[in-house]
């Protein structure tokens, strides 16, 4: 069996490092323009250099998004930007538009090109067409079933890679090409400025019957009719591997570093467990429970096993389920004293029950018995953002390990 790439989102430099430390084989990032996540902090050229160095030193890859659907004015600075990305040594660019493809080929002929899900590739003939234009990898439309993806793989050249989303938010519009945001909020989703109106609350009313609401849900408060559950294919990793998918993509450049670490770690453990022991592999629900400790909506398998039914939407709320808070990042650990140096991310108190986890190993639980500030003064609470503190841990920890604690009801 071919080992699939685990591809993680990285909205900034910390998330890039976190994704790689926690098991991603590659990350996808955006620069300050030409990508579809304008609200993410994204990367300056200097940050890209640092991120590329960090990734390449660890044998990992970095892909850069150029996947807006551009208007004429968007093309003005693109040739020089493409040359700059090529000189930096990015591993590939992700595009969705034929004009952008031609600019990349003209200005960086040896740069690997991946075709975004925005290009709506839904069949093997389209995949072959793009392959003949120089595309190395197709990111399939999210509306495909697993059988359709398998057929594309079977009927296209062996060296054409196929990437598919396995986890994250689902767009209500076809492969993310949406005009709703532009119409309602004057923010163009296809140029990176989506206002996510699919998550807003709606009433459905017939034009000539004002005040009479269509009973989509029998609730006077309205309904989140467009609000999809989040994709989660964790239980079905063996089927995806056996289908021959080259890269498993996690959505979420807008998500937190804690989210990235938690989700990547779970998928890494499942993929490795199956590849190392496929004959005796047994799915363990503990992996999904770990993912649920990051913010999430209810989960769906999307289109993989048939078209989604009415049960695949969340009708009651657009908010996330949050059961744990990211409270600290381990910076250092003293083996002799069992004291960890921690960068605080949310308030911590002496007496808190916490969990500590890291890449490739199980979490453990403990109570915070004592806590000190940077000067060695004993404290009862760490209230300041990114405050440096010290705590004693009941087991050894490592830099990049994460402290989380259950949210109180």
Foldseek 3Di string as FASTA:
>chain_A
DDQAFEEEEALFLLLLLLLVQQPGQEYEFEDCFQAQANVRPTDDLVRVLVSQVSQVVVNHAYEYENAFPDDPVRCPCLLVVLLSVVVSPHQAYEYADPVSLVSNCVRPVPHAYEYALNNADQALVVVQVVVVSRHQEYEHWLQYALVRLLRSCVNHDVRYAYEYEAWWFDALDGSQQDCPQCVPPVAHSSGRGRPPCLQPFDFDDDPVGPPDTDPPDPDPVGWSQSAFFIGHCLVPVVVNVVSPHRYYYYDDSPFDSVLSSQLSQLSSVSSVQCVVCVPPDDDDCVSVVSNLQGWGGDYDNDPHPHHDDSVRGDIPHSGTDHFKDFFWFFAAADPVQQKTKIFTAAKDFQQAWKWKDGHPDDIDIDGFNWKAFPVGHTDGMDHDHRGIMMTHDPDDDHGGITMMGTDDD
